[in-house]
PDB file of N, CA and C in Angstrom:
ATOM      1  N   MET A   1    -107.478 125.586   1.094  1.00  0.00           N
ATOM      2  CA  MET A   1    -106.356 124.792   1.552  1.00  0.00           C
ATOM      3  C   MET A   1    -106.635 123.324   1.223  1.00  0.00           C
ATOM      4  N   ASN A   2    -105.642 122.650   0.693  1.00  0.00           N
ATOM      5  CA  ASN A   2    -105.744 121.229   0.396  1.00  0.00           C
ATOM      6  C   ASN A   2    -105.239 120.435   1.590  1.00  0.00           C
ATOM      7  N   VAL A   3    -106.095 119.567   2.110  1.00  0.00           N
ATOM      8  CA  VAL A   3    -105.765 118.764   3.283  1.00  0.00           C
ATOM      9  C   VAL A   3    -105.845 117.295   2.894  1.00  0.00           C
ATOM     10  N   LEU A   4    -104.845 116.532   3.269  1.00  0.00           N
ATOM     11  CA  LEU A   4    -104.818 115.095   3.030  1.00  0.00           C
ATOM     12  C   LEU A   4    -104.783 114.387   4.366  1.00  0.00           C
ATOM     13  N   ILE A   5    -105.679 113.427   4.561  1.00  0.00           N
ATOM     14  CA  ILE A   5    -105.729 112.636   5.789  1.00  0.00           C
ATOM     15  C   ILE A   5    -105.269 111.223   5.456  1.00  0.00           C
ATOM     16  N   LEU A   6    -104.214 110.779   6.121  1.00  0.00           N
ATOM     17  CA  LEU A   6    -103.708 109.420   5.954  1.00  0.00           C
ATOM     18  C   LEU A   6    -104.201 108.609   7.143  1.00  0.00           C
ATOM     19  N   GLU A   7    -105.059 107.650   6.881  1.00  0.00           N
ATOM     20  CA  GLU A   7    -105.620 106.834   7.949  1.00  0.00           C
ATOM     21  C   GLU A   7    -104.733 105.614   8.187  1.00  0.00           C
ATOM     22  N   THR A   8    -104.232 105.493   9.415  1.00  0.00           N
ATOM     23  CA  THR A   8    -103.327 104.391   9.746  1.00  0.00           C
ATOM     24  C   THR A   8    -103.914 103.447  10.791  1.00  0.00           C
ATOM     25  N   GLY A   9    -104.891 103.933  11.550  1.00  0.00           N
ATOM     26  CA  GLY A   9    -105.454 103.127  12.625  1.00  0.00           C
ATOM     27  C   GLY A   9    -104.579 103.098  13.867  1.00  0.00           C
ATOM     28  N   LEU A  10    -103.579 103.974  13.946  1.00  0.00           N
ATOM     29  CA  LEU A  10    -102.640 103.970  15.067  1.00  0.00           C
ATOM     30  C   LEU A  10    -103.125 104.753  16.281  1.00  0.00           C
ATOM     31  N   PHE A  11    -104.100 105.632  16.097  1.00  0.00           N
ATOM     32  CA  PHE A  11    -104.495 106.518  17.178  1.00  0.00           C
ATOM     33  C   PHE A  11    -105.885 106.175  17.700  1.00  0.00           C
ATOM     34  N   PRO A  12    -106.037 106.021  19.022  1.00  0.00           N
ATOM     35  CA  PRO A  12    -107.345 105.682  19.575  1.00  0.00           C
ATOM     36  C   PRO A  12    -108.362 106.817  19.416  1.00  0.00           C
ATOM     37  N   GLU A  13    -107.921 108.059  19.294  1.00  0.00           N
ATOM     38  CA  GLU A  13    -108.815 109.202  19.136  1.00  0.00           C
ATOM     39  C   GLU A  13    -109.137 109.468  17.670  1.00  0.00           C
ATOM     40  N   ARG A  14    -108.923 108.502  16.826  1.00  0.00           N
ATOM     41  CA  ARG A  14    -109.068 108.631  15.387  1.00  0.00           C
ATOM     42  C   ARG A  14    -110.416 109.235  14.981  1.00  0.00           C
ATOM     43  N   ASP A  15    -111.502 108.747  15.537  1.00  0.00           N
ATOM     44  CA  ASP A  15    -112.831 109.223  15.134  1.00  0.00           C
ATOM     45  C   ASP A  15    -113.028 110.699  15.455  1.00  0.00           C
ATOM     46  N   ILE A  16    -112.546 111.141  16.590  1.00  0.00           N
ATOM     47  CA  ILE A  16    -112.660 112.554  16.966  1.00  0.00           C
ATOM     48  C   ILE A  16    -111.838 113.417  16.009  1.00  0.00           C
ATOM     49  N   LEU A  17    -110.633 112.976  15.698  1.00  0.00           N
ATOM     50  CA  LEU A  17    -109.783 113.727  14.768  1.00  0.00           C
ATOM     51  C   LEU A  17    -110.407 113.807  13.380  1.00  0.00           C
ATOM     52  N   LEU A  18    -110.917 112.689  12.887  1.00  0.00           N
ATOM     53  CA  LEU A  18    -111.525 112.682  11.556  1.00  0.00           C
ATOM     54  C   LEU A  18    -112.745 113.592  11.510  1.00  0.00           C
ATOM     55  N   GLN A  19    -113.543 113.573  12.550  1.00  0.00           N
ATOM     56  CA  GLN A  19    -114.721 114.431  12.597  1.00  0.00           C
ATOM     57  C   GLN A  19    -114.310 115.901  12.536  1.00  0.00           C
ATOM     58  N   ALA A  20    -113.310 116.269  13.294  1.00  0.00           N
ATOM     59  CA  ALA A  20    -112.843 117.663  13.294  1.00  0.00           C
ATOM     60  C   ALA A  20    -112.248 118.055  11.944  1.00  0.00           C
ATOM     61  N   LEU A  21    -111.504 117.154  11.328  1.00  0.00           N
ATOM     62  CA  LEU A  21    -110.845 117.473  10.065  1.00  0.00           C
ATOM     63  C   LEU A  21    -111.804 117.515   8.879  1.00  0.00           C
ATOM     64  N   THR A  22    -112.905 116.801   8.965  1.00  0.00           N
ATOM     65  CA  THR A  22    -113.853 116.745   7.849  1.00  0.00           C
ATOM     66  C   THR A  22    -115.105 117.553   8.131  1.00  0.00           C
ATOM     67  N   ASP A  23    -115.038 118.473   9.075  1.00  0.00           N
ATOM     68  CA  ASP A  23    -116.162 119.352   9.393  1.00  0.00           C
ATOM     69  C   ASP A  23    -116.603 120.061   8.114  1.00  0.00           C
ATOM     70  N   THR A  24    -117.879 119.930   7.771  1.00  0.00           N
ATOM     71  CA  THR A  24    -118.375 120.493   6.510  1.00  0.00           C
ATOM     72  C   THR A  24    -118.405 122.014   6.510  1.00  0.00           C
ATOM     73  N   ALA A  25    -118.264 122.643   7.665  1.00  0.00           N
ATOM     74  CA  ALA A  25    -118.272 124.104   7.726  1.00  0.00           C
ATOM     75  C   ALA A  25    -116.933 124.706   7.295  1.00  0.00           C
ATOM     76  N   CYS A  26    -115.882 123.907   7.250  1.00  0.00           N
ATOM     77  CA  CYS A  26    -114.572 124.440   6.882  1.00  0.00           C
ATOM     78  C   CYS A  26    -114.454 124.533   5.361  1.00  0.00           C
ATOM     79  N   PRO A  27    -113.762 125.554   4.863  1.00  0.00           N
ATOM     80  CA  PRO A  27    -113.656 125.777   3.415  1.00  0.00           C
ATOM     81  C   PRO A  27    -112.493 125.025   2.758  1.00  0.00           C
ATOM     82  N   HIS A  28    -112.110 123.882   3.297  1.00  0.00           N
ATOM     83  CA  HIS A  28    -110.941 123.170   2.787  1.00  0.00           C
ATOM     84  C   HIS A  28    -111.343 122.023   1.862  1.00  0.00           C
ATOM     85  N   ASN A  29    -110.433 121.681   0.978  1.00  0.00           N
ATOM     86  CA  ASN A  29    -110.564 120.498   0.146  1.00  0.00           C
ATOM     87  C   ASN A  29    -109.901 119.356   0.912  1.00  0.00           C
ATOM     88  N   VAL A  30    -110.702 118.397   1.392  1.00  0.00           N
ATOM     89  CA  VAL A  30    -110.183 117.326   2.241  1.00  0.00           C
ATOM     90  C   VAL A  30    -110.247 116.002   1.485  1.00  0.00           C
ATOM     91  N   ARG A  31    -109.102 115.325   1.412  1.00  0.00           N
ATOM     92  CA  ARG A  31    -109.025 113.991   0.800  1.00  0.00           C
ATOM     93  C   ARG A  31    -108.569 113.011   1.870  1.00  0.00           C
ATOM     94  N   ARG A  32    -109.055 111.784   1.777  1.00  0.00           N
ATOM     95  CA  ARG A  32    -108.677 110.763   2.754  1.00  0.00           C
ATOM     96  C   ARG A  32    -108.120 109.542   2.033  1.00  0.00           C
ATOM     97  N   ASN A  33    -107.089 108.951   2.624  1.00  0.00           N
ATOM     98  CA  ASN A  33    -106.499 107.715   2.106  1.00  0.00           C
ATOM     99  C   ASN A  33    -106.263 106.770   3.266  1.00  0.00           C
ATOM    100  N   ASP A  34    -106.689 105.530   3.095  1.00  0.00           N
ATOM    101  CA  ASP A  34    -106.507 104.515   4.130  1.00  0.00           C
ATOM    102  C   ASP A  34    -105.227 103.738   3.813  1.00  0.00           C
ATOM    103  N   LEU A  35    -104.192 103.930   4.627  1.00  0.00           N
ATOM    104  CA  LEU A  35    -102.911 103.273   4.384  1.00  0.00           C
ATOM    105  C   LEU A  35    -102.912 101.799   4.767  1.00  0.00           C
ATOM    106  N   ARG A  36    -103.994 101.345   5.377  1.00  0.00           N
ATOM    107  CA  ARG A  36    -104.076  99.927   5.752  1.00  0.00           C
ATOM    108  C   ARG A  36    -104.430  99.045   4.558  1.00  0.00           C
ATOM    109  N   GLU A  37    -104.856  99.663   3.458  1.00  0.00           N
ATOM    110  CA  GLU A  37    -105.209  98.906   2.261  1.00  0.00           C
ATOM    111  C   GLU A  37    -103.954  98.537   1.465  1.00  0.00           C
ATOM    112  N   THR A  38    -103.998  97.423   0.774  1.00  0.00           N
ATOM    113  CA  THR A  38    -102.895  97.011  -0.098  1.00  0.00           C
ATOM    114  C   THR A  38    -102.909  97.874  -1.350  1.00  0.00           C
ATOM    115  N   ARG A  39    -101.733  98.318  -1.776  1.00  0.00           N
ATOM    116  CA  ARG A  39    -101.609  99.188  -2.950  1.00  0.00           C
ATOM    117  C   ARG A  39    -100.555  98.647  -3.902  1.00  0.00           C
ATOM    118  N   ASN A  40    -100.791  98.894  -5.186  1.00  0.00           N
ATOM    119  CA  ASN A  40     -99.761  98.567  -6.168  1.00  0.00           C
ATOM    120  C   ASN A  40     -98.880  99.803  -6.373  1.00  0.00           C
ATOM    121  N   GLU A  41     -97.864  99.700  -7.187  1.00  0.00           N
ATOM    122  CA  GLU A  41     -96.906 100.795  -7.356  1.00  0.00           C
ATOM    123  C   GLU A  41     -97.566 102.051  -7.919  1.00  0.00           C
ATOM    124  N   LYS A  42     -98.476 101.894  -8.862  1.00  0.00           N
ATOM    125  CA  LYS A  42     -99.157 103.046  -9.448  1.00  0.00           C
ATOM    126  C   LYS A  42     -99.998 103.777  -8.394  1.00  0.00           C
ATOM    127  N   GLN A  43    -100.651 103.031  -7.511  1.00  0.00           N
ATOM    128  CA  GLN A  43    -101.442 103.650  -6.451  1.00  0.00           C
ATOM    129  C   GLN A  43    -100.552 104.384  -5.446  1.00  0.00           C
ATOM    130  N   TRP A  44     -99.381 103.818  -5.137  1.00  0.00           N
ATOM    131  CA  TRP A  44     -98.436 104.522  -4.257  1.00  0.00           C
ATOM    132  C   TRP A  44     -97.940 105.806  -4.904  1.00  0.00           C
ATOM    133  N   ASP A  45     -97.682 105.765  -6.215  1.00  0.00           N
ATOM    134  CA  ASP A  45     -97.251 106.968  -6.930  1.00  0.00           C
ATOM    135  C   ASP A  45     -98.334 108.053  -6.871  1.00  0.00           C
ATOM    136  N   ARG A  46     -99.588 107.652  -7.036  1.00  0.00           N
ATOM    137  CA  ARG A  46    -100.695 108.603  -6.975  1.00  0.00           C
ATOM    138  C   ARG A  46    -100.804 109.207  -5.575  1.00  0.00           C
ATOM    139  N   LEU A  47    -100.619 108.377  -4.543  1.00  0.00           N
ATOM    140  CA  LEU A  47    -100.656 108.871  -3.165  1.00  0.00           C
ATOM    141  C   LEU A  47     -99.517 109.857  -2.918  1.00  0.00           C
ATOM    142  N   LEU A  48     -98.340 109.549  -3.413  1.00  0.00           N
ATOM    143  CA  LEU A  48     -97.202 110.462  -3.261  1.00  0.00           C
ATOM    144  C   LEU A  48     -97.500 111.811  -3.917  1.00  0.00           C
ATOM    145  N   ASP A  49     -98.117 111.797  -5.090  1.00  0.00           N
ATOM    146  CA  ASP A  49     -98.510 113.045  -5.748  1.00  0.00           C
ATOM    147  C   ASP A  49     -99.487 113.835  -4.877  1.00  0.00           C
ATOM    148  N   GLU A  50    -100.443 113.144  -4.255  1.00  0.00           N
ATOM    149  CA  GLU A  50    -101.406 113.813  -3.378  1.00  0.00           C
ATOM    150  C   GLU A  50    -100.701 114.432  -2.171  1.00  0.00           C
ATOM    151  N   ILE A  51     -99.743 113.713  -1.604  1.00  0.00           N
ATOM    152  CA  ILE A  51     -98.994 114.245  -0.458  1.00  0.00           C
ATOM    153  C   ILE A  51     -98.232 115.499  -0.863  1.00  0.00           C
ATOM    154  N   LEU A  52     -97.566 115.452  -2.002  1.00  0.00           N
ATOM    155  CA  LEU A  52     -96.749 116.577  -2.449  1.00  0.00           C
ATOM    156  C   LEU A  52     -97.575 117.810  -2.813  1.00  0.00           C
ATOM    157  N   THR A  53     -98.819 117.616  -3.233  1.00  0.00           N
ATOM    158  CA  THR A  53     -99.659 118.753  -3.618  1.00  0.00           C
ATOM    159  C   THR A  53    -100.551 119.246  -2.481  1.00  0.00           C
ATOM    160  N   SER A  54    -100.477 118.621  -1.322  1.00  0.00           N
ATOM    161  CA  SER A  54    -101.296 119.034  -0.182  1.00  0.00           C
ATOM    162  C   SER A  54    -100.604 120.134   0.610  1.00  0.00           C
ATOM    163  N   ASP A  55    -101.419 121.021   1.154  1.00  0.00           N
ATOM    164  CA  ASP A  55    -100.896 122.067   2.029  1.00  0.00           C
ATOM    165  C   ASP A  55    -100.655 121.522   3.435  1.00  0.00           C
ATOM    166  N   ARG A  56    -101.495 120.584   3.847  1.00  0.00           N
ATOM    167  CA  ARG A  56    -101.369 119.952   5.170  1.00  0.00           C
ATOM    168  C   ARG A  56    -101.641 118.459   5.036  1.00  0.00           C
ATOM    169  N   VAL A  57    -100.864 117.657   5.753  1.00  0.00           N
ATOM    170  CA  VAL A  57    -101.066 116.208   5.790  1.00  0.00           C
ATOM    171  C   VAL A  57    -101.213 115.801   7.249  1.00  0.00           C
ATOM    172  N   PHE A  58    -102.310 115.119   7.564  1.00  0.00           N
ATOM    173  CA  PHE A  58    -102.564 114.624   8.914  1.00  0.00           C
ATOM    174  C   PHE A  58    -102.553 113.104   8.890  1.00  0.00           C
ATOM    175  N   THR A  59    -101.882 112.508   9.851  1.00  0.00           N
ATOM    176  CA  THR A  59    -101.866 111.062   9.996  1.00  0.00           C
ATOM    177  C   THR A  59    -102.700 110.705  11.219  1.00  0.00           C
ATOM    178  N   VAL A  60    -103.744 109.912  11.000  1.00  0.00           N
ATOM    179  CA  VAL A  60    -104.629 109.526  12.104  1.00  0.00           C
ATOM    180  C   VAL A  60    -104.758 108.024  12.171  1.00  0.00           C
TER     181      VAL A  60
END
């Protein structure tokens, strides 16, 4: 399963969620993107492609 984690900094339990989602025992492909960083249009396009190809997207 392809999992994408979008880091926003909006949730106080962020560290607990990230730890659970990136548990090395799980057989998932996990990618993380920090939305607090400045992005150009090409980087936003790449992120959109990652979102569209992910089976699950978590916002933390």
